[in-house]
Amino acid sequence: MQAPAYTPSPKTCLKEMPINAHIFVTHTHWDHIQGLPFFIPIFIPNNQINIYGGVDPVTNESIHRALAVQLQYSFFPIREAQLNARIEYATVKPGEPVQIGGAKITPIVLNHPVLNFGYRVDCDGQSLFFTGDYEPPLNIYDPQDDEYTEFQALIDEKWQEVILAMDGVDALIVDASYTNEEYATKQGWGMALMIRE
């Protein structure tokens, strides 16, 4: 679901080559894409690497731009042209499933400071949902403000969409970052609160 932060050893990778990998990017913050240039299969000829992500609504740029920028000389010693695998980029859209073999991957927009997808994966009668970075939206208005009710209705509608996407999954993976104490000063940063019982 993220650009790989862990890569198996070259010896392990070579045993299973060529591969056809599918990488779904939740969003393009560095901590979610920085592993891609270290993914060994991306350097091996005849491998196929398929990278999925959204179109940034602010820049109107695709996932390809974000990853091409990451591989500029200012940030990394290897250029995109030096990667030996075949790399294809695909744009995902909210609610439009992508079928890969027997797996159906459905993206849903989740709250974060940039375009951010969570993914529901349904395959062979089982399912999971992965949030990536996500913070349920907060109403930025005070209850006495004129805009409060309308904004809260949007928040409630989005919350129901998220609940529906997660409904009935066999596994729910939530990327949570903060303790109660830390969250008090990090509201609005787009990360979840760790819940401890």
Protein backbone atom coordinates (compact mmCIF):
# COMPACT_ATOMS: atom_id res chain seq x y z
CA MET A 1 0.00 0.00 0.00
CA GLN A 2 2.99 2.27 0.33
CA ALA A 3 6.26 2.69 -1.48
CA PRO A 4 8.23 -0.17 0.03
CA ALA A 5 10.29 0.77 3.06
CA TYR A 6 11.63 -2.79 3.26
CA THR A 7 13.12 -4.63 0.34
CA PRO A 8 14.01 -8.32 0.40
CA SER A 9 17.63 -9.22 -0.21
CA PRO A 10 18.82 -9.23 -3.85
CA LYS A 11 19.35 -13.00 -3.61
CA THR A 12 15.69 -13.49 -2.65
CA CYS A 13 14.47 -11.11 -5.35
CA LEU A 14 16.48 -12.74 -8.09
CA LYS A 15 14.88 -16.12 -7.41
CA GLU A 16 11.44 -14.74 -8.27
CA MET A 17 12.23 -12.53 -11.26
CA PRO A 18 10.68 -11.22 -13.32
CA ILE A 19 7.91 -9.79 -11.16
CA ASN A 20 4.79 -7.76 -11.86
CA ALA A 21 4.37 -5.49 -8.83
CA HIS A 22 1.43 -3.22 -8.03
CA ILE A 23 2.10 -0.34 -5.61
CA PHE A 24 -0.82 1.77 -4.39
CA VAL A 25 0.29 5.12 -2.99
CA THR A 26 -1.96 6.67 -0.36
CA HIS A 27 -0.41 10.12 -0.71
CA THR A 28 2.82 11.75 -1.71
CA HIS A 29 4.32 12.95 1.55
CA TRP A 30 7.99 11.91 1.69
CA ASP A 31 7.50 9.35 4.44
CA HIS A 32 5.13 7.44 2.15
CA ILE A 33 7.16 7.46 -1.08
CA GLN A 34 10.79 7.59 0.01
CA GLY A 35 11.18 3.80 -0.05
CA LEU A 36 10.47 3.51 -3.78
CA PRO A 37 14.02 4.24 -5.04
CA PHE A 38 15.30 1.51 -2.71
CA PHE A 39 12.91 -1.15 -4.02
CA ILE A 40 15.36 -3.56 -5.66
CA PRO A 41 12.96 -4.91 -8.33
CA ILE A 42 12.76 -1.42 -9.85
CA PHE A 43 16.36 -1.79 -11.04
CA ILE A 44 16.00 -5.23 -12.66
CA PRO A 45 15.20 -5.55 -16.37
CA ASN A 46 11.98 -7.33 -17.39
CA ASN A 47 10.23 -6.48 -14.12
CA GLN A 48 6.95 -4.61 -14.40
CA ILE A 49 6.22 -2.04 -11.68
CA ASN A 50 2.73 -0.52 -11.69
CA ILE A 51 2.30 2.54 -9.48
CA TYR A 52 -1.19 3.80 -8.64
CA GLY A 53 -2.12 7.16 -7.15
CA GLY A 54 -4.39 10.14 -7.49
CA VAL A 55 -4.31 13.47 -9.28
CA ASP A 56 -3.47 16.32 -6.92
CA PRO A 57 -6.45 18.71 -6.99
CA VAL A 58 -4.21 21.73 -6.29
CA THR A 59 -1.53 21.13 -8.94
CA ASN A 60 -3.59 18.88 -11.24
CA GLU A 61 -0.50 16.66 -11.46
CA SER A 62 -0.55 12.85 -11.43
CA ILE A 63 1.34 10.41 -9.24
CA HIS A 64 4.04 10.28 -11.93
CA ARG A 65 5.05 13.90 -11.28
CA ALA A 66 5.51 13.37 -7.56
CA LEU A 67 7.71 10.35 -8.07
CA ALA A 68 9.66 11.95 -10.93
CA VAL A 69 10.45 14.90 -8.65
CA GLN A 70 11.68 12.48 -6.01
CA LEU A 71 14.18 11.09 -8.51
CA GLN A 72 15.62 14.48 -9.50
CA TYR A 73 19.34 14.94 -8.98
CA SER A 74 18.74 17.27 -6.01
CA PHE A 75 17.10 14.48 -4.03
CA PHE A 76 18.52 11.18 -5.27
CA PRO A 77 21.60 9.99 -7.21
CA ILE A 78 19.66 7.84 -9.70
CA ARG A 79 17.40 9.34 -12.36
CA GLU A 80 14.13 7.80 -13.47
CA ALA A 81 15.69 7.03 -16.87
CA GLN A 82 18.22 4.78 -15.10
CA LEU A 83 15.62 2.46 -13.64
CA ASN A 84 15.67 -0.82 -15.54
CA ALA A 85 12.19 -2.14 -14.81
CA ARG A 86 9.21 -1.13 -16.93
CA ILE A 87 7.30 1.41 -14.86
CA GLU A 88 3.73 2.38 -15.54
CA TYR A 89 1.68 4.94 -13.67
CA ALA A 90 -2.09 4.72 -13.28
CA THR A 91 -4.50 7.26 -11.86
CA VAL A 92 -7.03 6.05 -9.33
CA LYS A 93 -10.29 7.84 -8.64
CA PRO A 94 -12.40 7.74 -5.48
CA GLY A 95 -14.86 4.85 -5.45
CA GLU A 96 -13.66 3.39 -8.77
CA PRO A 97 -12.25 -0.10 -8.14
CA VAL A 98 -9.07 -1.40 -9.74
CA GLN A 99 -9.08 -5.12 -10.54
CA ILE A 100 -5.76 -6.98 -10.25
CA GLY A 101 -6.18 -10.70 -10.69
CA GLY A 102 -8.74 -11.80 -8.09
CA ALA A 103 -8.29 -8.66 -5.98
CA LYS A 104 -10.55 -5.62 -6.18
CA ILE A 105 -8.91 -2.48 -4.75
CA THR A 106 -11.25 0.43 -4.10
CA PRO A 107 -9.80 3.86 -3.23
CA ILE A 108 -11.61 6.26 -0.92
CA VAL A 109 -10.51 9.80 -0.12
CA LEU A 110 -9.54 10.24 3.52
CA ASN A 111 -8.84 13.42 5.45
CA HIS A 112 -5.19 14.59 5.36
CA PRO A 113 -3.46 17.85 4.38
CA VAL A 114 -2.94 16.52 0.81
CA LEU A 115 -4.98 14.22 -1.42
CA ASN A 116 -4.96 10.96 0.50
CA PHE A 117 -6.50 7.59 -0.27
CA GLY A 118 -7.43 4.71 1.94
CA TYR A 119 -7.81 1.40 0.12
CA ARG A 120 -10.29 -1.41 0.58
CA VAL A 121 -9.06 -4.72 -0.82
CA ASP A 122 -11.54 -7.54 -1.49
CA CYS A 123 -10.16 -10.90 -2.60
CA ASP A 124 -11.30 -14.51 -2.34
CA GLY A 125 -14.12 -13.71 0.07
CA GLN A 126 -11.92 -11.73 2.45
CA SER A 127 -11.29 -8.03 2.81
CA LEU A 128 -9.13 -5.43 4.47
CA PHE A 129 -9.03 -1.67 4.68
CA PHE A 130 -5.81 0.33 4.97
CA THR A 131 -6.01 3.97 6.03
CA GLY A 132 -2.50 5.30 5.63
CA ASP A 133 -2.35 8.68 7.35
CA TYR A 134 -5.86 9.69 8.35
CA GLU A 135 -7.50 11.97 10.85
CA PRO A 136 -11.28 12.20 11.03
CA PRO A 137 -12.14 15.77 9.98
CA LEU A 138 -12.81 18.36 12.66
CA ASN A 139 -15.32 21.16 12.37
CA ILE A 140 -13.25 24.32 12.06
CA TYR A 141 -16.22 26.50 13.03
CA ASP A 142 -17.61 27.26 16.47
CA PRO A 143 -21.18 26.02 17.07
CA GLN A 144 -22.47 29.60 17.06
CA ASP A 145 -20.95 30.34 13.62
CA ASP A 146 -23.33 30.41 10.64
CA GLU A 147 -21.14 27.92 8.75
CA TYR A 148 -21.01 25.35 11.55
CA THR A 149 -24.16 23.35 10.68
CA GLU A 150 -23.45 23.09 6.96
CA PHE A 151 -19.81 22.11 7.54
CA GLN A 152 -20.82 19.54 10.16
CA ALA A 153 -23.26 17.99 7.67
CA LEU A 154 -20.37 17.56 5.21
CA ILE A 155 -18.22 15.98 7.93
CA ASP A 156 -21.02 13.61 8.93
CA GLU A 157 -21.63 12.62 5.30
CA LYS A 158 -17.91 11.92 4.76
CA TRP A 159 -17.74 9.93 8.01
CA GLN A 160 -20.57 7.69 6.82
CA GLU A 161 -18.71 7.13 3.53
CA VAL A 162 -15.61 6.04 5.46
CA ILE A 163 -17.63 3.75 7.74
CA LEU A 164 -19.32 2.18 4.71
CA ALA A 165 -15.94 1.53 3.05
CA MET A 166 -14.69 -0.18 6.21
CA ASP A 167 -17.90 -2.08 6.87
CA GLY A 168 -17.51 -5.82 7.25
CA VAL A 169 -13.77 -6.01 6.57
CA ASP A 170 -11.81 -8.91 8.02
CA ALA A 171 -8.84 -6.67 8.83
CA LEU A 172 -8.58 -2.95 9.47
CA ILE A 173 -5.11 -1.39 9.35
CA VAL A 174 -5.05 2.12 10.80
CA ASP A 175 -1.90 4.20 10.65
CA ALA A 176 -1.99 5.95 14.04
CA SER A 177 0.67 8.34 15.28
CA TYR A 178 -0.23 10.12 18.50
CA THR A 179 -0.91 9.42 22.13
CA ASN A 180 -3.68 11.41 23.83
CA GLU A 181 -1.10 13.86 25.16
CA GLU A 182 0.58 14.36 21.76
CA TYR A 183 -2.69 14.71 19.87
CA ALA A 184 -3.70 17.72 21.95
CA THR A 185 -1.06 19.77 20.10
CA LYS A 186 -1.31 18.00 16.72
CA GLN A 187 -4.99 18.29 15.80
CA GLY A 188 -5.36 19.04 12.12
CA TRP A 189 -2.05 17.45 11.13
CA GLY A 190 -3.90 14.57 9.47
CA MET A 191 -2.80 11.68 11.66
CA ALA A 192 -4.90 9.37 13.83
CA LEU A 193 -4.93 9.12 17.57
CA MET A 194 -3.75 5.83 19.05
CA ILE A 195 -6.53 4.37 21.18
CA ARG A 196 -5.45 2.39 24.19
CA GLU A 197 -7.76 0.45 26.47
